């Protein structure tokens, strides 16, 4: 890249995300000759932007899938907790009945 002057050009210092707009303005204001020079000097940045965009899309898809997995695991835990609470409540009711029965035998209720 250094041999082509890419690293030393004005265009190589522009944030790659802004390059399409900059190149459009260069083409509109200065013609095809300057646009060609700008494209030649900034092509590495343009290519890196495309790759970065795809990389970010892949990361987003990965993280969305992870979030879905986490949400499913949380739902499973919450279901188990609800079942446990219901089981404890049911046991508690059953124990109260037994105590009343025992107290009834002893004449305490």
PDB file of N, CA and C in Angstrom:
ATOM      1  N   UNK A   1       0.817  -1.188   0.000  1.00  0.00           N
ATOM      2  CA  UNK A   1       0.000   0.000   0.000  1.00  0.00           C
ATOM      3  C   UNK A   1       0.860   1.251   0.000  1.00  0.00           C
ATOM      4  N   UNK A   2       2.007   1.212   0.693  1.00  0.00           N
ATOM      5  CA  UNK A   2       2.879   2.382   0.720  1.00  0.00           C
ATOM      6  C   UNK A   2       3.407   2.719  -0.665  1.00  0.00           C
ATOM      7  N   UNK A   3       3.659   1.687  -1.498  1.00  0.00           N
ATOM      8  CA  UNK A   3       4.185   1.937  -2.845  1.00  0.00           C
ATOM      9  C   UNK A   3       3.190   2.714  -3.697  1.00  0.00           C
ATOM     10  N   UNK A   4       1.924   2.515  -3.482  1.00  0.00           N
ATOM     11  CA  UNK A   4       0.909   3.203  -4.271  1.00  0.00           C
ATOM     12  C   UNK A   4       0.566   4.568  -3.676  1.00  0.00           C
ATOM     13  N   UNK A   5       1.136   4.877  -2.539  1.00  0.00           N
ATOM     14  CA  UNK A   5       0.868   6.167  -1.927  1.00  0.00           C
ATOM     15  C   UNK A   5      -0.436   6.218  -1.160  1.00  0.00           C
ATOM     16  N   UNK A   6      -1.027   5.053  -0.899  1.00  0.00           N
ATOM     17  CA  UNK A   6      -2.319   5.024  -0.228  1.00  0.00           C
ATOM     18  C   UNK A   6      -2.206   5.551   1.192  1.00  0.00           C
ATOM     19  N   UNK A   7      -1.187   5.129   1.912  1.00  0.00           N
ATOM     20  CA  UNK A   7      -1.052   5.548   3.307  1.00  0.00           C
ATOM     21  C   UNK A   7      -0.679   7.016   3.440  1.00  0.00           C
ATOM     22  N   UNK A   8      -0.151   7.609   2.385  1.00  0.00           N
ATOM     23  CA  UNK A   8       0.274   9.003   2.464  1.00  0.00           C
ATOM     24  C   UNK A   8      -0.732   9.961   1.848  1.00  0.00           C
ATOM     25  N   UNK A   9      -1.850   9.460   1.350  1.00  0.00           N
ATOM     26  CA  UNK A   9      -2.798  10.339   0.677  1.00  0.00           C
ATOM     27  C   UNK A   9      -3.757  10.969   1.672  1.00  0.00           C
ATOM     28  N   UNK A  10      -4.324  12.049   1.263  1.00  0.00           N
ATOM     29  CA  UNK A  10      -5.345  12.739   2.055  1.00  0.00           C
ATOM     30  C   UNK A  10      -6.536  11.821   2.297  1.00  0.00           C
ATOM     31  N   UNK A  11      -6.907  11.055   1.289  1.00  0.00           N
ATOM     32  CA  UNK A  11      -8.094  10.201   1.374  1.00  0.00           C
ATOM     33  C   UNK A  11      -7.922   9.040   2.350  1.00  0.00           C
ATOM     34  N   UNK A  12      -6.693   8.603   2.554  1.00  0.00           N
ATOM     35  CA  UNK A  12      -6.481   7.496   3.489  1.00  0.00           C
ATOM     36  C   UNK A  12      -6.702   7.920   4.934  1.00  0.00           C
ATOM     37  N   UNK A  13      -6.741   9.206   5.193  1.00  0.00           N
ATOM     38  CA  UNK A  13      -6.951   9.708   6.554  1.00  0.00           C
ATOM     39  C   UNK A  13      -8.429   9.922   6.873  1.00  0.00           C
ATOM     40  N   UNK A  14      -9.287   9.802   5.894  1.00  0.00           N
ATOM     41  CA  UNK A  14     -10.727   9.995   6.098  1.00  0.00           C
ATOM     42  C   UNK A  14     -11.321   8.711   6.673  1.00  0.00           C
ATOM     43  N   UNK A  15     -12.189   8.873   7.651  1.00  0.00           N
ATOM     44  CA  UNK A  15     -12.881   7.726   8.238  1.00  0.00           C
ATOM     45  C   UNK A  15     -13.580   6.968   7.105  1.00  0.00           C
ATOM     46  N   UNK A  16     -13.337   5.656   6.990  1.00  0.00           N
ATOM     47  CA  UNK A  16     -13.927   4.876   5.900  1.00  0.00           C
ATOM     48  C   UNK A  16     -15.453   4.950   5.831  1.00  0.00           C
ATOM     49  N   UNK A  17     -16.097   5.227   6.942  1.00  0.00           N
ATOM     50  CA  UNK A  17     -17.555   5.323   6.928  1.00  0.00           C
ATOM     51  C   UNK A  17     -18.040   6.564   6.173  1.00  0.00           C
ATOM     52  N   UNK A  18     -17.175   7.584   6.075  1.00  0.00           N
ATOM     53  CA  UNK A  18     -17.542   8.817   5.366  1.00  0.00           C
ATOM     54  C   UNK A  18     -17.075   8.817   3.909  1.00  0.00           C
ATOM     55  N   UNK A  19     -16.276   7.844   3.539  1.00  0.00           N
ATOM     56  CA  UNK A  19     -15.704   7.831   2.187  1.00  0.00           C
ATOM     57  C   UNK A  19     -16.733   7.873   1.064  1.00  0.00           C
ATOM     58  N   UNK A  20     -17.821   7.119   1.123  1.00  0.00           N
ATOM     59  CA  UNK A  20     -18.776   7.197   0.015  1.00  0.00           C
ATOM     60  C   UNK A  20     -19.289   8.620  -0.220  1.00  0.00           C
ATOM     61  N   UNK A  21     -19.574   9.348   0.847  1.00  0.00           N
ATOM     62  CA  UNK A  21     -20.048  10.731   0.692  1.00  0.00           C
ATOM     63  C   UNK A  21     -18.945  11.629   0.140  1.00  0.00           C
ATOM     64  N   UNK A  22     -17.738  11.464   0.670  1.00  0.00           N
ATOM     65  CA  UNK A  22     -16.614  12.277   0.206  1.00  0.00           C
ATOM     66  C   UNK A  22     -16.347  12.014  -1.271  1.00  0.00           C
ATOM     67  N   UNK A  23     -16.336  10.759  -1.649  1.00  0.00           N
ATOM     68  CA  UNK A  23     -16.079  10.411  -3.048  1.00  0.00           C
ATOM     69  C   UNK A  23     -17.177  10.946  -3.966  1.00  0.00           C
ATOM     70  N   UNK A  24     -18.403  10.908  -3.501  1.00  0.00           N
ATOM     71  CA  UNK A  24     -19.505  11.457  -4.281  1.00  0.00           C
ATOM     72  C   UNK A  24     -19.313  12.952  -4.513  1.00  0.00           C
ATOM     73  N   UNK A  25     -18.955  13.661  -3.457  1.00  0.00           N
ATOM     74  CA  UNK A  25     -18.723  15.110  -3.582  1.00  0.00           C
ATOM     75  C   UNK A  25     -17.544  15.412  -4.500  1.00  0.00           C
ATOM     76  N   UNK A  26     -16.471  14.625  -4.396  1.00  0.00           N
ATOM     77  CA  UNK A  26     -15.302  14.821  -5.264  1.00  0.00           C
ATOM     78  C   UNK A  26     -15.711  14.655  -6.720  1.00  0.00           C
ATOM     79  N   UNK A  27     -16.488  13.604  -6.991  1.00  0.00           N
ATOM     80  CA  UNK A  27     -16.938  13.368  -8.364  1.00  0.00           C
ATOM     81  C   UNK A  27     -17.823  14.480  -8.877  1.00  0.00           C
ATOM     82  N   UNK A  28     -18.710  15.000  -8.028  1.00  0.00           N
ATOM     83  CA  UNK A  28     -19.624  16.069  -8.439  1.00  0.00           C
ATOM     84  C   UNK A  28     -18.900  17.395  -8.656  1.00  0.00           C
ATOM     85  N   UNK A  29     -17.963  17.708  -7.781  1.00  0.00           N
ATOM     86  CA  UNK A  29     -17.316  19.034  -7.799  1.00  0.00           C
ATOM     87  C   UNK A  29     -16.071  19.096  -8.672  1.00  0.00           C
ATOM     88  N   UNK A  30     -15.366  17.947  -8.822  1.00  0.00           N
ATOM     89  CA  UNK A  30     -14.059  18.002  -9.489  1.00  0.00           C
ATOM     90  C   UNK A  30     -13.948  17.107 -10.712  1.00  0.00           C
ATOM     91  N   UNK A  31     -14.961  16.356 -11.034  1.00  0.00           N
ATOM     92  CA  UNK A  31     -14.941  15.556 -12.250  1.00  0.00           C
ATOM     93  C   UNK A  31     -14.359  14.169 -12.071  1.00  0.00           C
ATOM     94  N   UNK A  32     -14.377  13.428 -13.191  1.00  0.00           N
ATOM     95  CA  UNK A  32     -13.979  12.021 -13.158  1.00  0.00           C
ATOM     96  C   UNK A  32     -12.491  11.816 -12.894  1.00  0.00           C
ATOM     97  N   UNK A  33     -11.664  12.710 -13.376  1.00  0.00           N
ATOM     98  CA  UNK A  33     -10.216  12.563 -13.174  1.00  0.00           C
ATOM     99  C   UNK A  33      -9.861  12.565 -11.699  1.00  0.00           C
ATOM    100  N   UNK A  34     -10.349  13.560 -10.985  1.00  0.00           N
ATOM    101  CA  UNK A  34     -10.071  13.645  -9.540  1.00  0.00           C
ATOM    102  C   UNK A  34     -10.771  12.506  -8.793  1.00  0.00           C
ATOM    103  N   UNK A  35     -11.957  12.122  -9.263  1.00  0.00           N
ATOM    104  CA  UNK A  35     -12.657  11.007  -8.638  1.00  0.00           C
ATOM    105  C   UNK A  35     -11.832   9.727  -8.756  1.00  0.00           C
ATOM    106  N   UNK A  36     -11.228   9.501  -9.932  1.00  0.00           N
ATOM    107  CA  UNK A  36     -10.387   8.319 -10.118  1.00  0.00           C
ATOM    108  C   UNK A  36      -9.200   8.339  -9.150  1.00  0.00           C
ATOM    109  N   UNK A  37      -8.560   9.485  -9.011  1.00  0.00           N
ATOM    110  CA  UNK A  37      -7.432   9.616  -8.079  1.00  0.00           C
ATOM    111  C   UNK A  37      -7.900   9.336  -6.646  1.00  0.00           C
ATOM    112  N   UNK A  38      -9.055   9.879  -6.294  1.00  0.00           N
ATOM    113  CA  UNK A  38      -9.603   9.683  -4.950  1.00  0.00           C
ATOM    114  C   UNK A  38      -9.927   8.209  -4.705  1.00  0.00           C
ATOM    115  N   UNK A  39     -10.532   7.568  -5.708  1.00  0.00           N
ATOM    116  CA  UNK A  39     -10.862   6.144  -5.569  1.00  0.00           C
ATOM    117  C   UNK A  39      -9.601   5.302  -5.420  1.00  0.00           C
ATOM    118  N   UNK A  40      -8.615   5.597  -6.248  1.00  0.00           N
ATOM    119  CA  UNK A  40      -7.363   4.852  -6.200  1.00  0.00           C
ATOM    120  C   UNK A  40      -6.696   5.010  -4.836  1.00  0.00           C
ATOM    121  N   UNK A  41      -6.760   6.203  -4.285  1.00  0.00           N
ATOM    122  CA  UNK A  41      -6.111   6.466  -3.000  1.00  0.00           C
ATOM    123  C   UNK A  41      -6.897   5.918  -1.813  1.00  0.00           C
ATOM    124  N   UNK A  42      -8.172   5.711  -1.985  1.00  0.00           N
ATOM    125  CA  UNK A  42      -8.993   5.324  -0.832  1.00  0.00           C
ATOM    126  C   UNK A  42      -9.587   3.928  -0.936  1.00  0.00           C
ATOM    127  N   UNK A  43      -9.246   3.167  -1.949  1.00  0.00           N
ATOM    128  CA  UNK A  43      -9.876   1.870  -2.162  1.00  0.00           C
ATOM    129  C   UNK A  43      -9.685   0.923  -0.985  1.00  0.00           C
ATOM    130  N   UNK A  44      -8.521   0.980  -0.331  1.00  0.00           N
ATOM    131  CA  UNK A  44      -8.287   0.103   0.829  1.00  0.00           C
ATOM    132  C   UNK A  44      -9.293   0.423   1.937  1.00  0.00           C
ATOM    133  N   UNK A  45      -9.563   1.704   2.140  1.00  0.00           N
ATOM    134  CA  UNK A  45     -10.535   2.103   3.154  1.00  0.00           C
ATOM    135  C   UNK A  45     -11.940   1.677   2.796  1.00  0.00           C
ATOM    136  N   UNK A  46     -12.289   1.787   1.522  1.00  0.00           N
ATOM    137  CA  UNK A  46     -13.624   1.383   1.078  1.00  0.00           C
ATOM    138  C   UNK A  46     -13.806  -0.114   1.284  1.00  0.00           C
ATOM    139  N   UNK A  47     -12.800  -0.885   0.922  1.00  0.00           N
ATOM    140  CA  UNK A  47     -12.877  -2.341   1.081  1.00  0.00           C
ATOM    141  C   UNK A  47     -12.956  -2.708   2.561  1.00  0.00           C
ATOM    142  N   UNK A  48     -12.170  -2.026   3.392  1.00  0.00           N
ATOM    143  CA  UNK A  48     -12.209  -2.344   4.821  1.00  0.00           C
ATOM    144  C   UNK A  48     -13.570  -2.008   5.419  1.00  0.00           C
ATOM    145  N   UNK A  49     -14.233  -0.997   4.881  1.00  0.00           N
ATOM    146  CA  UNK A  49     -15.567  -0.635   5.367  1.00  0.00           C
ATOM    147  C   UNK A  49     -16.563  -1.741   5.051  1.00  0.00           C
ATOM    148  N   UNK A  50     -16.497  -2.271   3.857  1.00  0.00           N
ATOM    149  CA  UNK A  50     -17.403  -3.348   3.466  1.00  0.00           C
ATOM    150  C   UNK A  50     -17.173  -4.561   4.359  1.00  0.00           C
ATOM    151  N   UNK A  51     -15.922  -4.912   4.580  1.00  0.00           N
ATOM    152  CA  UNK A  51     -15.607  -6.056   5.427  1.00  0.00           C
ATOM    153  C   UNK A  51     -16.061  -5.798   6.863  1.00  0.00           C
ATOM    154  N   UNK A  52     -15.843  -4.597   7.350  1.00  0.00           N
ATOM    155  CA  UNK A  52     -16.249  -4.244   8.715  1.00  0.00           C
ATOM    156  C   UNK A  52     -17.764  -4.354   8.859  1.00  0.00           C
ATOM    157  N   UNK A  53     -18.478  -3.891   7.849  1.00  0.00           N
ATOM    158  CA  UNK A  53     -19.938  -3.949   7.880  1.00  0.00           C
ATOM    159  C   UNK A  53     -20.415  -5.397   7.971  1.00  0.00           C
ATOM    160  N   UNK A  54     -19.846  -6.262   7.169  1.00  0.00           N
ATOM    161  CA  UNK A  54     -20.226  -7.679   7.194  1.00  0.00           C
ATOM    162  C   UNK A  54     -19.866  -8.302   8.532  1.00  0.00           C
ATOM    163  N   UNK A  55     -18.700  -7.951   9.050  1.00  0.00           N
ATOM    164  CA  UNK A  55     -18.269  -8.471  10.346  1.00  0.00           C
ATOM    165  C   UNK A  55     -19.256  -8.061  11.432  1.00  0.00           C
ATOM    166  N   UNK A  56     -19.666  -6.807  11.432  1.00  0.00           N
ATOM    167  CA  UNK A  56     -20.624  -6.324  12.428  1.00  0.00           C
ATOM    168  C   UNK A  56     -21.974  -7.020  12.295  1.00  0.00           C
ATOM    169  N   UNK A  57     -22.394  -7.273  11.065  1.00  0.00           N
ATOM    170  CA  UNK A  57     -23.654  -8.000  10.864  1.00  0.00           C
ATOM    171  C   UNK A  57     -23.567  -9.412  11.444  1.00  0.00           C
ATOM    172  N   UNK A  58     -22.440 -10.064  11.220  1.00  0.00           N
ATOM    173  CA  UNK A  58     -22.260 -11.410  11.747  1.00  0.00           C
ATOM    174  C   UNK A  58     -22.246 -11.398  13.272  1.00  0.00           C
ATOM    175  N   UNK A  59     -21.574 -10.414  13.853  1.00  0.00           N
ATOM    176  CA  UNK A  59     -21.553 -10.302  15.309  1.00  0.00           C
ATOM    177  C   UNK A  59     -22.955 -10.061  15.854  1.00  0.00           C
ATOM    178  N   UNK A  60     -23.708  -9.204  15.180  1.00  0.00           N
ATOM    179  CA  UNK A  60     -25.079  -8.929  15.614  1.00  0.00           C
ATOM    180  C   UNK A  60     -25.920 -10.204  15.589  1.00  0.00           C
ATOM    181  N   UNK A  61     -25.815 -10.979  14.521  1.00  0.00           N
ATOM    182  CA  UNK A  61     -26.574 -12.228  14.413  1.00  0.00           C
ATOM    183  C   UNK A  61     -26.165 -13.201  15.518  1.00  0.00           C
ATOM    184  N   UNK A  62     -24.866 -13.288  15.781  1.00  0.00           N
ATOM    185  CA  UNK A  62     -24.382 -14.178  16.842  1.00  0.00           C
ATOM    186  C   UNK A  62     -24.956 -13.762  18.192  1.00  0.00           C
ATOM    187  N   UNK A  63     -24.877 -12.470  18.501  1.00  0.00           N
ATOM    188  CA  UNK A  63     -25.350 -11.997  19.800  1.00  0.00           C
ATOM    189  C   UNK A  63     -26.871 -12.117  19.938  1.00  0.00           C
ATOM    190  N   UNK A  64     -27.594 -11.912  18.855  1.00  0.00           N
ATOM    191  CA  UNK A  64     -29.048 -12.112  18.910  1.00  0.00           C
ATOM    192  C   UNK A  64     -29.376 -13.566  19.233  1.00  0.00           C
ATOM    193  N   UNK A  65     -28.634 -14.476  18.613  1.00  0.00           N
ATOM    194  CA  UNK A  65     -28.858 -15.902  18.883  1.00  0.00           C
ATOM    195  C   UNK A  65     -28.520 -16.225  20.336  1.00  0.00           C
ATOM    196  N   UNK A  66     -27.441 -15.649  20.845  1.00  0.00           N
ATOM    197  CA  UNK A  66     -27.073 -15.861  22.253  1.00  0.00           C
ATOM    198  C   UNK A  66     -28.151 -15.310  23.174  1.00  0.00           C
ATOM    199  N   UNK A  67     -28.680 -14.143  22.850  1.00  0.00           N
ATOM    200  CA  UNK A  67     -29.736 -13.545  23.666  1.00  0.00           C
ATOM    201  C   UNK A  67     -30.958 -14.456  23.677  1.00  0.00           C
ATOM    202  N   UNK A  68     -31.302 -15.015  22.525  1.00  0.00           N
ATOM    203  CA  UNK A  68     -32.438 -15.946  22.463  1.00  0.00           C
ATOM    204  C   UNK A  68     -32.190 -17.161  23.356  1.00  0.00           C
ATOM    205  N   UNK A  69     -30.956 -17.688  23.321  1.00  0.00           N
ATOM    206  CA  UNK A  69     -30.613 -18.834  24.171  1.00  0.00           C
ATOM    207  C   UNK A  69     -30.725 -18.465  25.651  1.00  0.00           C
ATOM    208  N   UNK A  70     -30.235 -17.298  25.997  1.00  0.00           N
ATOM    209  CA  UNK A  70     -30.280 -16.840  27.390  1.00  0.00           C
ATOM    210  C   UNK A  70     -31.722 -16.642  27.833  1.00  0.00           C
ATOM    211  N   UNK A  71     -32.538 -16.031  26.976  1.00  0.00           N
ATOM    212  CA  UNK A  71     -33.960 -15.828  27.302  1.00  0.00           C
ATOM    213  C   UNK A  71     -34.657 -17.162  27.544  1.00  0.00           C
ATOM    214  N   UNK A  72     -34.352 -18.158  26.721  1.00  0.00           N
ATOM    215  CA  UNK A  72     -34.959 -19.483  26.891  1.00  0.00           C
ATOM    216  C   UNK A  72     -34.517 -20.113  28.204  1.00  0.00           C
ATOM    217  N   UNK A  73     -33.251 -19.960  28.551  1.00  0.00           N
ATOM    218  CA  UNK A  73     -32.757 -20.517  29.809  1.00  0.00           C
ATOM    219  C   UNK A  73     -33.399 -19.825  31.009  1.00  0.00           C
ATOM    220  N   UNK A  74     -33.543 -18.513  30.934  1.00  0.00           N
ATOM    221  CA  UNK A  74     -34.208 -17.771  32.012  1.00  0.00           C
ATOM    222  C   UNK A  74     -35.654 -18.242  32.161  1.00  0.00           C
ATOM    223  N   UNK A  75     -36.346 -18.431  31.051  1.00  0.00           N
ATOM    224  CA  UNK A  75     -37.740 -18.897  31.095  1.00  0.00           C
ATOM    225  C   UNK A  75     -37.820 -20.277  31.749  1.00  0.00           C
ATOM    226  N   UNK A  76     -36.887 -21.157  31.426  1.00  0.00           N
ATOM    227  CA  UNK A  76     -36.867 -22.494  32.023  1.00  0.00           C
ATOM    228  C   UNK A  76     -36.655 -22.416  33.537  1.00  0.00           C
ATOM    229  N   UNK A  77     -35.731 -21.558  33.952  1.00  0.00           N
ATOM    230  CA  UNK A  77     -35.472 -21.384  35.395  1.00  0.00           C
ATOM    231  C   UNK A  77     -36.701 -20.829  36.094  1.00  0.00           C
ATOM    232  N   UNK A  78     -37.331 -19.835  35.485  1.00  0.00           N
ATOM    233  CA  UNK A  78     -38.526 -19.239  36.100  1.00  0.00           C
ATOM    234  C   UNK A  78     -39.659 -20.251  36.223  1.00  0.00           C
ATOM    235  N   UNK A  79     -39.828 -21.100  35.207  1.00  0.00           N
ATOM    236  CA  UNK A  79     -40.853 -22.150  35.275  1.00  0.00           C
ATOM    237  C   UNK A  79     -40.566 -23.101  36.427  1.00  0.00           C
ATOM    238  N   UNK A  80     -39.308 -23.494  36.556  1.00  0.00           N
ATOM    239  CA  UNK A  80     -38.926 -24.414  37.638  1.00  0.00           C
ATOM    240  C   UNK A  80     -39.163 -23.764  38.995  1.00  0.00           C
ATOM    241  N   UNK A  81     -38.860 -22.476  39.111  1.00  0.00           N
ATOM    242  CA  UNK A  81     -39.091 -21.761  40.368  1.00  0.00           C
ATOM    243  C   UNK A  81     -40.583 -21.716  40.707  1.00  0.00           C
ATOM    244  N   UNK A  82     -41.398 -21.426  39.698  1.00  0.00           N
ATOM    245  CA  UNK A  82     -42.846 -21.378  39.921  1.00  0.00           C
ATOM    246  C   UNK A  82     -43.380 -22.736  40.362  1.00  0.00           C
ATOM    247  N   UNK A  83     -42.892 -23.796  39.731  1.00  0.00           N
ATOM    248  CA  UNK A  83     -43.317 -25.144  40.103  1.00  0.00           C
ATOM    249  C   UNK A  83     -42.896 -25.462  41.534  1.00  0.00           C
ATOM    250  N   UNK A  84     -41.698 -25.057  41.916  1.00  0.00           N
ATOM    251  CA  UNK A  84     -41.210 -25.300  43.269  1.00  0.00           C
ATOM    252  C   UNK A  84     -42.048 -24.533  44.295  1.00  0.00           C
ATOM    253  N   UNK A  85     -42.358 -23.287  43.997  1.00  0.00           N
ATOM    254  CA  UNK A  85     -43.187 -22.481  44.897  1.00  0.00           C
ATOM    255  C   UNK A  85     -44.558 -23.132  45.061  1.00  0.00           C
ATOM    256  N   UNK A  86     -45.128 -23.580  43.969  1.00  0.00           N
ATOM    257  CA  UNK A  86     -46.445 -24.229  44.032  1.00  0.00           C
ATOM    258  C   UNK A  86     -46.367 -25.526  44.835  1.00  0.00           C
ATOM    259  N   UNK A  87     -45.288 -26.268  44.665  1.00  0.00           N
ATOM    260  CA  UNK A  87     -45.110 -27.506  45.415  1.00  0.00           C
ATOM    261  C   UNK A  87     -44.984 -27.214  46.920  1.00  0.00           C
ATOM    262  N   UNK A  88     -44.251 -26.172  47.264  1.00  0.00           N
ATOM    263  CA  UNK A  88     -44.092 -25.788  48.676  1.00  0.00           C
ATOM    264  C   UNK A  88     -45.430 -25.348  49.252  1.00  0.00           C
ATOM    265  N   UNK A  89     -46.186 -24.571  48.496  1.00  0.00           N
ATOM    266  CA  UNK A  89     -47.511 -24.135  48.958  1.00  0.00           C
ATOM    267  C   UNK A  89     -48.424 -25.339  49.191  1.00  0.00           C
ATOM    268  N   UNK A  90     -48.387 -26.270  48.263  1.00  0.00           N
ATOM    269  CA  UNK A  90     -49.219 -27.464  48.373  1.00  0.00           C
ATOM    270  C   UNK A  90     -48.829 -28.271  49.609  1.00  0.00           C
ATOM    271  N   UNK A  91     -47.520 -28.416  49.836  1.00  0.00           N
ATOM    272  CA  UNK A  91     -47.030 -29.137  51.012  1.00  0.00           C
ATOM    273  C   UNK A  91     -47.446 -28.424  52.285  1.00  0.00           C
ATOM    274  N   UNK A  92     -47.371 -27.110  52.275  1.00  0.00           N
ATOM    275  CA  UNK A  92     -47.734 -26.323  53.447  1.00  0.00           C
ATOM    276  C   UNK A  92     -49.203 -26.522  53.783  1.00  0.00           C
ATOM    277  N   UNK A  93     -50.068 -26.525  52.771  1.00  0.00           N
ATOM    278  CA  UNK A  93     -51.505 -26.757  52.998  1.00  0.00           C
ATOM    279  C   UNK A  93     -51.735 -28.156  53.578  1.00  0.00           C
ATOM    280  N   UNK A  94     -51.014 -29.109  53.028  1.00  0.00           N
ATOM    281  CA  UNK A  94     -51.155 -30.492  53.483  1.00  0.00           C
ATOM    282  C   UNK A  94     -50.711 -30.627  54.938  1.00  0.00           C
ATOM    283  N   UNK A  95     -49.613 -29.964  55.306  1.00  0.00           N
ATOM    284  CA  UNK A  95     -49.112 -30.011  56.685  1.00  0.00           C
ATOM    285  C   UNK A  95     -50.097 -29.358  57.649  1.00  0.00           C
ATOM    286  N   UNK A  96     -50.754 -28.282  57.230  1.00  0.00           N
ATOM    287  CA  UNK A  96     -51.743 -27.619  58.076  1.00  0.00           C
ATOM    288  C   UNK A  96     -52.904 -28.566  58.354  1.00  0.00           C
ATOM    289  N   UNK A  97     -53.326 -29.301  57.330  1.00  0.00           N
ATOM    290  CA  UNK A  97     -54.413 -30.258  57.517  1.00  0.00           C
ATOM    291  C   UNK A  97     -54.011 -31.338  58.507  1.00  0.00           C
ATOM    292  N   UNK A  98     -52.787 -31.833  58.386  1.00  0.00           N
ATOM    293  CA  UNK A  98     -52.304 -32.878  59.295  1.00  0.00           C
ATOM    294  C   UNK A  98     -52.263 -32.368  60.730  1.00  0.00           C
ATOM    295  N   UNK A  99     -51.777 -31.118  60.894  1.00  0.00           N
ATOM    296  CA  UNK A  99     -51.721 -30.559  62.248  1.00  0.00           C
ATOM    297  C   UNK A  99     -53.115 -30.424  62.846  1.00  0.00           C
ATOM    298  N   UNK A 100     -54.053 -29.960  62.031  1.00  0.00           N
ATOM    299  CA  UNK A 100     -55.424 -29.851  62.526  1.00  0.00           C
ATOM    300  C   UNK A 100     -55.960 -31.230  62.920  1.00  0.00           C
ATOM    301  N   UNK A 101     -55.666 -32.237  62.112  1.00  0.00           N
ATOM    302  CA  UNK A 101     -56.121 -33.589  62.410  1.00  0.00           C
ATOM    303  C   UNK A 101     -55.520 -34.087  63.714  1.00  0.00           C
ATOM    304  N   UNK A 102     -54.175 -33.871  63.875  1.00  0.00           N
ATOM    305  CA  UNK A 102     -53.520 -34.298  65.106  1.00  0.00           C
ATOM    306  C   UNK A 102     -54.065 -33.550  66.313  1.00  0.00           C
ATOM    307  N   UNK A 103     -54.253 -32.235  66.146  1.00  0.00           N
ATOM    308  CA  UNK A 103     -54.798 -31.451  67.264  1.00  0.00           C
ATOM    309  C   UNK A 103     -56.223 -31.906  67.590  1.00  0.00           C
ATOM    310  N   UNK A 104     -56.931 -32.305  66.590  1.00  0.00           N
ATOM    311  CA  UNK A 104     -58.275 -32.816  66.809  1.00  0.00           C
ATOM    312  C   UNK A 104     -58.270 -34.094  67.635  1.00  0.00           C
ATOM    313  N   UNK A 105     -57.262 -34.947  67.388  1.00  0.00           N
ATOM    314  CA  UNK A 105     -57.148 -36.170  68.154  1.00  0.00           C
ATOM    315  C   UNK A 105     -56.834 -35.890  69.617  1.00  0.00           C
ATOM    316  N   UNK A 106     -56.063 -34.889  69.838  1.00  0.00           N
ATOM    317  CA  UNK A 106     -55.656 -34.555  71.204  1.00  0.00           C
ATOM    318  C   UNK A 106     -56.631 -33.601  71.882  1.00  0.00           C
ATOM    319  N   UNK A 107     -57.604 -33.189  71.136  1.00  0.00           N
ATOM    320  CA  UNK A 107     -58.617 -32.308  71.705  1.00  0.00           C
ATOM    321  C   UNK A 107     -58.208 -30.849  71.749  1.00  0.00           C
ATOM    322  N   UNK A 108     -57.140 -30.483  70.963  1.00  0.00           N
ATOM    323  CA  UNK A 108     -56.652 -29.105  70.993  1.00  0.00           C
ATOM    324  C   UNK A 108     -57.340 -28.208  69.993  1.00  0.00           C
ATOM    325  N   UNK A 109     -57.898 -28.727  68.911  1.00  0.00           N
ATOM    326  CA  UNK A 109     -58.461 -27.841  67.891  1.00  0.00           C
ATOM    327  C   UNK A 109     -59.837 -27.574  68.283  1.00  0.00           C
TER     328      UNK A 109
END
